[in-house]
Amino acid sequence: MSLDWRGKPLESLEIIINLIAATTTNTGLKIYARLDDGAYERGIEVTDEQLTAVNITRHSSTVTGTTP
């Protein structure tokens, strides 16, 4: 990520969150973003079994120019 976004310097978490939250797409996708200032333990590893239990499916989109 660069140090600026849309010509605006990324000087604080508030600015970054607001810029992310203002993101929309031509198809109407709107992004919701908020700061989670919780403290989390580092170094926790997720097992293959735990990852398999996460219900994530890829959307079959025909839109081009997006990250796969």
N, C-alpha and C. Protein backbone atom coordinates (compact mmCIF):
# COMPACT_ATOMS: atom_id res chain seq x y z
N MET A 1 0.85 -1.17 0.00
CA MET A 1 0.00 0.00 0.00
C MET A 1 0.90 1.23 0.00
N SER A 2 0.48 2.22 -0.73
CA SER A 2 1.28 3.44 -0.78
C SER A 2 0.98 4.31 0.43
N LEU A 3 1.71 5.41 0.55
CA LEU A 3 1.51 6.30 1.68
C LEU A 3 0.39 7.30 1.43
N ASP A 4 -0.23 7.25 0.26
CA ASP A 4 -1.40 8.07 0.03
C ASP A 4 -2.41 7.29 -0.80
N TRP A 5 -3.65 7.72 -0.72
CA TRP A 5 -4.72 7.04 -1.43
C TRP A 5 -5.63 8.12 -1.98
N ARG A 6 -5.82 8.08 -3.30
CA ARG A 6 -6.59 9.12 -3.97
C ARG A 6 -6.05 10.50 -3.66
N GLY A 7 -4.74 10.58 -3.53
CA GLY A 7 -4.10 11.87 -3.28
C GLY A 7 -4.20 12.34 -1.84
N LYS A 8 -4.74 11.50 -0.95
CA LYS A 8 -4.87 11.88 0.45
C LYS A 8 -3.83 11.12 1.27
N PRO A 9 -3.04 11.84 2.05
CA PRO A 9 -2.03 11.15 2.87
C PRO A 9 -2.66 10.26 3.94
N LEU A 10 -2.10 9.09 4.10
CA LEU A 10 -2.60 8.14 5.10
C LEU A 10 -1.90 8.42 6.43
N GLU A 11 -2.36 9.44 7.11
CA GLU A 11 -1.69 9.92 8.32
C GLU A 11 -2.24 9.35 9.61
N SER A 12 -3.42 8.76 9.57
CA SER A 12 -4.00 8.22 10.81
C SER A 12 -4.90 7.03 10.48
N LEU A 13 -5.19 6.24 11.49
CA LEU A 13 -6.10 5.11 11.30
C LEU A 13 -7.49 5.60 10.92
N GLU A 14 -7.92 6.73 11.48
CA GLU A 14 -9.24 7.28 11.15
C GLU A 14 -9.34 7.60 9.66
N ILE A 15 -8.31 8.22 9.10
CA ILE A 15 -8.31 8.54 7.68
C ILE A 15 -8.36 7.26 6.85
N ILE A 16 -7.56 6.27 7.21
CA ILE A 16 -7.52 5.01 6.47
C ILE A 16 -8.88 4.32 6.52
N ILE A 17 -9.49 4.22 7.70
CA ILE A 17 -10.80 3.57 7.85
C ILE A 17 -11.85 4.32 7.03
N ASN A 18 -11.84 5.64 7.08
CA ASN A 18 -12.83 6.42 6.32
C ASN A 18 -12.66 6.25 4.82
N LEU A 19 -11.43 6.18 4.35
CA LEU A 19 -11.20 5.97 2.91
C LEU A 19 -11.67 4.58 2.48
N ILE A 20 -11.39 3.57 3.29
CA ILE A 20 -11.85 2.22 2.98
C ILE A 20 -13.38 2.19 2.99
N ALA A 21 -13.99 2.81 3.99
CA ALA A 21 -15.44 2.80 4.12
C ALA A 21 -16.13 3.56 2.98
N ALA A 22 -15.44 4.48 2.35
CA ALA A 22 -16.02 5.25 1.25
C ALA A 22 -15.89 4.54 -0.09
N THR A 23 -15.31 3.36 -0.09
CA THR A 23 -15.10 2.60 -1.32
C THR A 23 -16.41 2.00 -1.82
N THR A 24 -16.68 2.17 -3.10
CA THR A 24 -17.83 1.54 -3.75
C THR A 24 -17.39 1.03 -5.12
N THR A 25 -18.21 0.21 -5.73
CA THR A 25 -17.92 -0.29 -7.07
C THR A 25 -19.03 0.14 -8.02
N ASN A 26 -18.78 -0.01 -9.30
CA ASN A 26 -19.79 0.32 -10.31
C ASN A 26 -21.03 -0.56 -10.20
N THR A 27 -20.89 -1.74 -9.60
CA THR A 27 -22.02 -2.65 -9.47
C THR A 27 -22.78 -2.44 -8.18
N GLY A 28 -22.37 -1.48 -7.37
CA GLY A 28 -23.12 -1.15 -6.16
C GLY A 28 -22.59 -1.71 -4.87
N LEU A 29 -21.45 -2.40 -4.91
CA LEU A 29 -20.87 -2.92 -3.68
C LEU A 29 -20.43 -1.75 -2.80
N LYS A 30 -20.83 -1.79 -1.54
CA LYS A 30 -20.41 -0.77 -0.58
C LYS A 30 -19.62 -1.46 0.52
N ILE A 31 -18.59 -0.81 0.99
CA ILE A 31 -17.70 -1.38 1.99
C ILE A 31 -18.02 -0.77 3.35
N TYR A 32 -18.05 -1.60 4.37
CA TYR A 32 -18.20 -1.15 5.74
C TYR A 32 -16.87 -1.41 6.44
N ALA A 33 -16.36 -0.41 7.11
CA ALA A 33 -15.09 -0.57 7.81
C ALA A 33 -15.16 0.12 9.16
N ARG A 34 -14.56 -0.50 10.15
CA ARG A 34 -14.45 0.12 11.46
C ARG A 34 -13.17 -0.38 12.11
N LEU A 35 -12.67 0.39 13.03
CA LEU A 35 -11.44 0.04 13.73
C LEU A 35 -11.76 -0.95 14.84
N ASP A 36 -11.02 -2.03 14.86
CA ASP A 36 -11.11 -3.00 15.94
C ASP A 36 -9.83 -2.83 16.75
N ASP A 37 -9.95 -2.19 17.89
CA ASP A 37 -8.74 -1.92 18.69
C ASP A 37 -8.52 -2.97 19.77
N GLY A 38 -9.08 -4.15 19.55
CA GLY A 38 -8.88 -5.25 20.49
C GLY A 38 -7.43 -5.74 20.47
N ALA A 39 -7.02 -6.35 21.55
CA ALA A 39 -5.68 -6.92 21.64
C ALA A 39 -5.78 -8.42 21.35
N TYR A 40 -4.97 -8.88 20.43
CA TYR A 40 -5.02 -10.28 20.02
C TYR A 40 -3.64 -10.92 20.17
N GLU A 41 -3.65 -12.16 20.60
CA GLU A 41 -2.40 -12.90 20.76
C GLU A 41 -1.80 -13.17 19.39
N ARG A 42 -0.52 -12.97 19.28
CA ARG A 42 0.18 -13.24 18.02
C ARG A 42 0.69 -14.67 17.98
N GLY A 43 0.89 -15.15 16.77
CA GLY A 43 1.52 -16.45 16.59
C GLY A 43 0.59 -17.64 16.69
N ILE A 44 -0.71 -17.39 16.79
CA ILE A 44 -1.65 -18.51 16.85
C ILE A 44 -1.77 -19.11 15.45
N GLU A 45 -1.60 -20.40 15.35
CA GLU A 45 -1.68 -21.08 14.06
C GLU A 45 -3.02 -21.75 13.90
N VAL A 46 -3.58 -21.65 12.71
CA VAL A 46 -4.85 -22.27 12.38
C VAL A 46 -4.56 -23.61 11.73
N THR A 47 -5.22 -24.64 12.24
CA THR A 47 -5.01 -25.98 11.68
C THR A 47 -5.78 -26.12 10.37
N ASP A 48 -5.41 -27.10 9.57
CA ASP A 48 -6.14 -27.38 8.32
C ASP A 48 -7.60 -27.70 8.62
N GLU A 49 -7.84 -28.40 9.71
CA GLU A 49 -9.20 -28.76 10.09
C GLU A 49 -10.03 -27.52 10.42
N GLN A 50 -9.44 -26.59 11.15
CA GLN A 50 -10.14 -25.34 11.48
C GLN A 50 -10.43 -24.53 10.22
N LEU A 51 -9.47 -24.45 9.33
CA LEU A 51 -9.64 -23.69 8.11
C LEU A 51 -10.70 -24.31 7.21
N THR A 52 -10.76 -25.63 7.17
CA THR A 52 -11.76 -26.34 6.38
C THR A 52 -13.17 -26.05 6.92
N ALA A 53 -13.29 -25.83 8.22
CA ALA A 53 -14.59 -25.57 8.84
C ALA A 53 -15.13 -24.18 8.52
N VAL A 54 -14.29 -23.28 8.00
CA VAL A 54 -14.74 -21.94 7.64
C VAL A 54 -15.54 -22.04 6.34
N ASN A 55 -16.75 -21.52 6.36
CA ASN A 55 -17.64 -21.64 5.21
C ASN A 55 -17.43 -20.45 4.27
N ILE A 56 -16.47 -20.58 3.38
CA ILE A 56 -16.19 -19.53 2.40
C ILE A 56 -16.32 -20.15 1.01
N THR A 57 -17.12 -19.51 0.17
CA THR A 57 -17.26 -19.97 -1.21
C THR A 57 -16.94 -18.82 -2.14
N ARG A 58 -16.32 -19.12 -3.22
CA ARG A 58 -15.95 -18.12 -4.21
C ARG A 58 -17.16 -17.82 -5.08
N HIS A 59 -17.39 -16.54 -5.33
CA HIS A 59 -18.49 -16.13 -6.18
C HIS A 59 -18.06 -16.30 -7.63
N SER A 60 -18.91 -16.90 -8.44
CA SER A 60 -18.58 -17.09 -9.84
C SER A 60 -18.98 -15.82 -10.59
N SER A 61 -18.04 -14.92 -10.70
CA SER A 61 -18.30 -13.61 -11.30
C SER A 61 -17.72 -13.54 -12.69
N THR A 62 -18.37 -12.80 -13.54
CA THR A 62 -17.86 -12.57 -14.88
C THR A 62 -17.24 -11.18 -15.01
N VAL A 63 -17.17 -10.46 -13.90
CA VAL A 63 -16.61 -9.12 -13.91
C VAL A 63 -15.11 -9.23 -14.15
N THR A 64 -14.58 -8.37 -15.01
CA THR A 64 -13.15 -8.38 -15.28
C THR A 64 -12.48 -7.23 -14.55
N GLY A 65 -11.19 -7.33 -14.40
CA GLY A 65 -10.43 -6.27 -13.75
C GLY A 65 -10.44 -6.34 -12.25
N THR A 66 -10.84 -7.48 -11.71
CA THR A 66 -10.83 -7.65 -10.26
C THR A 66 -9.73 -8.62 -9.87
N THR A 67 -9.38 -8.59 -8.63
CA THR A 67 -8.37 -9.53 -8.12
C THR A 67 -8.99 -10.91 -8.03
N PRO A 68 -8.34 -11.93 -8.57
CA PRO A 68 -8.92 -13.29 -8.51
C PRO A 68 -8.97 -13.84 -7.11
